[in-house]
Amino acid sequence: MSLPASEHNASRMPTKPGYYWAKWRIATDETHEGDELTPCDDWEIVQVNDNGGEPGTLTELSVSVHGVRETQWRDQFVWGSYVAPLCNAA
């Protein structure tokens, strides 16, 4: 039996930058492209970034979705598995 989306989301929400599998459910108010793309039932790899927000808050980390200019917040996704760490560009 699978967890309800809210419990599943809370238990798997990323706590560090990197790449993760996710289903995008809600777009931020500024994201007009997202209105047409969400909700999404397909798993996609998204990039979680250090947003410089207050540690332990939802705004500590932001999420980049391929093809969408504005960043999103972690609570707008159903989270799957961790894929890989971010690589430092040299």
C-alpha atoms as a PDB file:
ATOM      1  CA  MET A   1       0.000   0.000   0.000  1.00  0.00           C
ATOM      2  CA  SER A   2       1.427   3.391  -0.935  1.00  0.00           C
ATOM      3  CA  LEU A   3       1.445   6.461   1.277  1.00  0.00           C
ATOM      4  CA  PRO A   4      -1.003   9.285   0.621  1.00  0.00           C
ATOM      5  CA  ALA A   5       0.600  12.056  -1.446  1.00  0.00           C
ATOM      6  CA  SER A   6       0.922  14.455   1.517  1.00  0.00           C
ATOM      7  CA  GLU A   7       2.709  11.872   3.691  1.00  0.00           C
ATOM      8  CA  HIS A   8       4.804  10.618   0.799  1.00  0.00           C
ATOM      9  CA  ASN A   9       5.829  14.191  -0.028  1.00  0.00           C
ATOM     10  CA  ALA A  10       6.804  15.083   3.540  1.00  0.00           C
ATOM     11  CA  SER A  11       8.821  11.919   4.059  1.00  0.00           C
ATOM     12  CA  ARG A  12      10.871  12.275   0.868  1.00  0.00           C
ATOM     13  CA  MET A  13      11.256  16.056   0.517  1.00  0.00           C
ATOM     14  CA  PRO A  14      14.904  16.847  -0.322  1.00  0.00           C
ATOM     15  CA  THR A  15      17.050  18.320   2.432  1.00  0.00           C
ATOM     16  CA  LYS A  16      20.151  18.937   0.315  1.00  0.00           C
ATOM     17  CA  PRO A  17      20.940  20.217  -3.203  1.00  0.00           C
ATOM     18  CA  GLY A  18      21.091  17.698  -6.029  1.00  0.00           C
ATOM     19  CA  TYR A  19      18.991  15.991  -8.670  1.00  0.00           C
ATOM     20  CA  TYR A  20      15.807  14.140  -7.732  1.00  0.00           C
ATOM     21  CA  TRP A  21      12.836  12.404  -9.322  1.00  0.00           C
ATOM     22  CA  ALA A  22       9.671  14.447  -8.769  1.00  0.00           C
ATOM     23  CA  LYS A  23       6.102  15.022  -9.947  1.00  0.00           C
ATOM     24  CA  TRP A  24       5.305  18.740 -10.186  1.00  0.00           C
ATOM     25  CA  ARG A  25       1.862  19.429  -8.692  1.00  0.00           C
ATOM     26  CA  ILE A  26       1.558  23.213  -8.108  1.00  0.00           C
ATOM     27  CA  ALA A  27       3.203  26.150  -9.900  1.00  0.00           C
ATOM     28  CA  THR A  28       4.298  29.321  -8.077  1.00  0.00           C
ATOM     29  CA  ASP A  29       2.185  32.405  -8.706  1.00  0.00           C
ATOM     30  CA  GLU A  30       4.887  33.866 -10.972  1.00  0.00           C
ATOM     31  CA  THR A  31       5.101  30.763 -13.175  1.00  0.00           C
ATOM     32  CA  HIS A  32       2.826  31.219 -16.152  1.00  0.00           C
ATOM     33  CA  GLU A  33       4.439  28.323 -18.041  1.00  0.00           C
ATOM     34  CA  GLY A  34       3.685  26.069 -15.088  1.00  0.00           C
ATOM     35  CA  ASP A  35      -0.040  26.672 -15.344  1.00  0.00           C
ATOM     36  CA  GLU A  36      -0.033  24.551 -18.495  1.00  0.00           C
ATOM     37  CA  LEU A  37       2.453  21.974 -17.170  1.00  0.00           C
ATOM     38  CA  THR A  38       0.963  21.198 -13.753  1.00  0.00           C
ATOM     39  CA  PRO A  39      -0.307  18.972 -12.308  1.00  0.00           C
ATOM     40  CA  CYS A  40       1.990  16.402 -13.836  1.00  0.00           C
ATOM     41  CA  ASP A  41       1.678  12.645 -13.375  1.00  0.00           C
ATOM     42  CA  ASP A  42       5.033  11.957 -15.033  1.00  0.00           C
ATOM     43  CA  TRP A  43       8.218  11.535 -13.024  1.00  0.00           C
ATOM     44  CA  GLU A  44      10.857  14.068 -14.089  1.00  0.00           C
ATOM     45  CA  ILE A  45      14.365  14.776 -12.871  1.00  0.00           C
ATOM     46  CA  VAL A  46      14.506  18.219 -11.253  1.00  0.00           C
ATOM     47  CA  GLN A  47      17.397  20.203  -9.793  1.00  0.00           C
ATOM     48  CA  VAL A  48      17.253  21.232  -6.126  1.00  0.00           C
ATOM     49  CA  ASN A  49      19.417  24.279  -5.346  1.00  0.00           C
ATOM     50  CA  ASP A  50      20.639  26.076  -2.233  1.00  0.00           C
ATOM     51  CA  ASN A  51      18.437  29.158  -2.276  1.00  0.00           C
ATOM     52  CA  GLY A  52      20.232  30.949   0.559  1.00  0.00           C
ATOM     53  CA  GLY A  53      17.027  30.911   2.602  1.00  0.00           C
ATOM     54  CA  GLU A  54      16.796  30.421   6.328  1.00  0.00           C
ATOM     55  CA  PRO A  55      17.923  26.882   7.257  1.00  0.00           C
ATOM     56  CA  GLY A  56      15.039  24.541   8.055  1.00  0.00           C
ATOM     57  CA  THR A  57      12.439  26.545   6.106  1.00  0.00           C
ATOM     58  CA  LEU A  58      10.763  25.636   2.814  1.00  0.00           C
ATOM     59  CA  THR A  59      12.591  28.535   1.131  1.00  0.00           C
ATOM     60  CA  GLU A  60      16.041  27.220   2.122  1.00  0.00           C
ATOM     61  CA  LEU A  61      16.122  25.203  -1.109  1.00  0.00           C
ATOM     62  CA  SER A  62      14.491  25.943  -4.470  1.00  0.00           C
ATOM     63  CA  VAL A  63      13.666  23.657  -7.388  1.00  0.00           C
ATOM     64  CA  SER A  64      14.515  24.150 -11.064  1.00  0.00           C
ATOM     65  CA  VAL A  65      12.287  22.413 -13.607  1.00  0.00           C
ATOM     66  CA  HIS A  66      13.674  21.872 -17.102  1.00  0.00           C
ATOM     67  CA  GLY A  67      12.193  24.399 -19.536  1.00  0.00           C
ATOM     68  CA  VAL A  68      10.665  26.644 -16.836  1.00  0.00           C
ATOM     69  CA  ARG A  69      12.331  29.997 -16.104  1.00  0.00           C
ATOM     70  CA  GLU A  70      11.087  30.578 -12.551  1.00  0.00           C
ATOM     71  CA  THR A  71      12.243  28.412  -9.671  1.00  0.00           C
ATOM     72  CA  GLN A  72       9.691  26.513  -7.609  1.00  0.00           C
ATOM     73  CA  TRP A  73       9.392  25.471  -3.945  1.00  0.00           C
ATOM     74  CA  ARG A  74       9.850  21.946  -2.597  1.00  0.00           C
ATOM     75  CA  ASP A  75       6.330  21.630  -1.188  1.00  0.00           C
ATOM     76  CA  GLN A  76       4.906  21.886  -4.727  1.00  0.00           C
ATOM     77  CA  PHE A  77       6.124  18.401  -5.677  1.00  0.00           C
ATOM     78  CA  VAL A  78       5.622  14.758  -4.876  1.00  0.00           C
ATOM     79  CA  TRP A  79       9.149  13.484  -4.308  1.00  0.00           C
ATOM     80  CA  GLY A  80      10.791  10.314  -5.495  1.00  0.00           C
ATOM     81  CA  SER A  81      14.350   9.099  -5.236  1.00  0.00           C
ATOM     82  CA  TYR A  82      17.600  11.041  -5.040  1.00  0.00           C
ATOM     83  CA  VAL A  83      19.478  10.793  -8.347  1.00  0.00           C
ATOM     84  CA  ALA A  84      22.846  12.555  -8.036  1.00  0.00           C
ATOM     85  CA  PRO A  85      24.682  15.453  -6.381  1.00  0.00           C
ATOM     86  CA  LEU A  86      25.185  18.772  -8.161  1.00  0.00           C
ATOM     87  CA  CYS A  87      28.561  19.045  -9.909  1.00  0.00           C
ATOM     88  CA  ASN A  88      30.646  22.165  -9.371  1.00  0.00           C
ATOM     89  CA  ALA A  89      31.353  23.936 -12.660  1.00  0.00           C
ATOM     90  CA  ALA A  90      35.050  24.596 -12.939  1.00  0.00           C
END
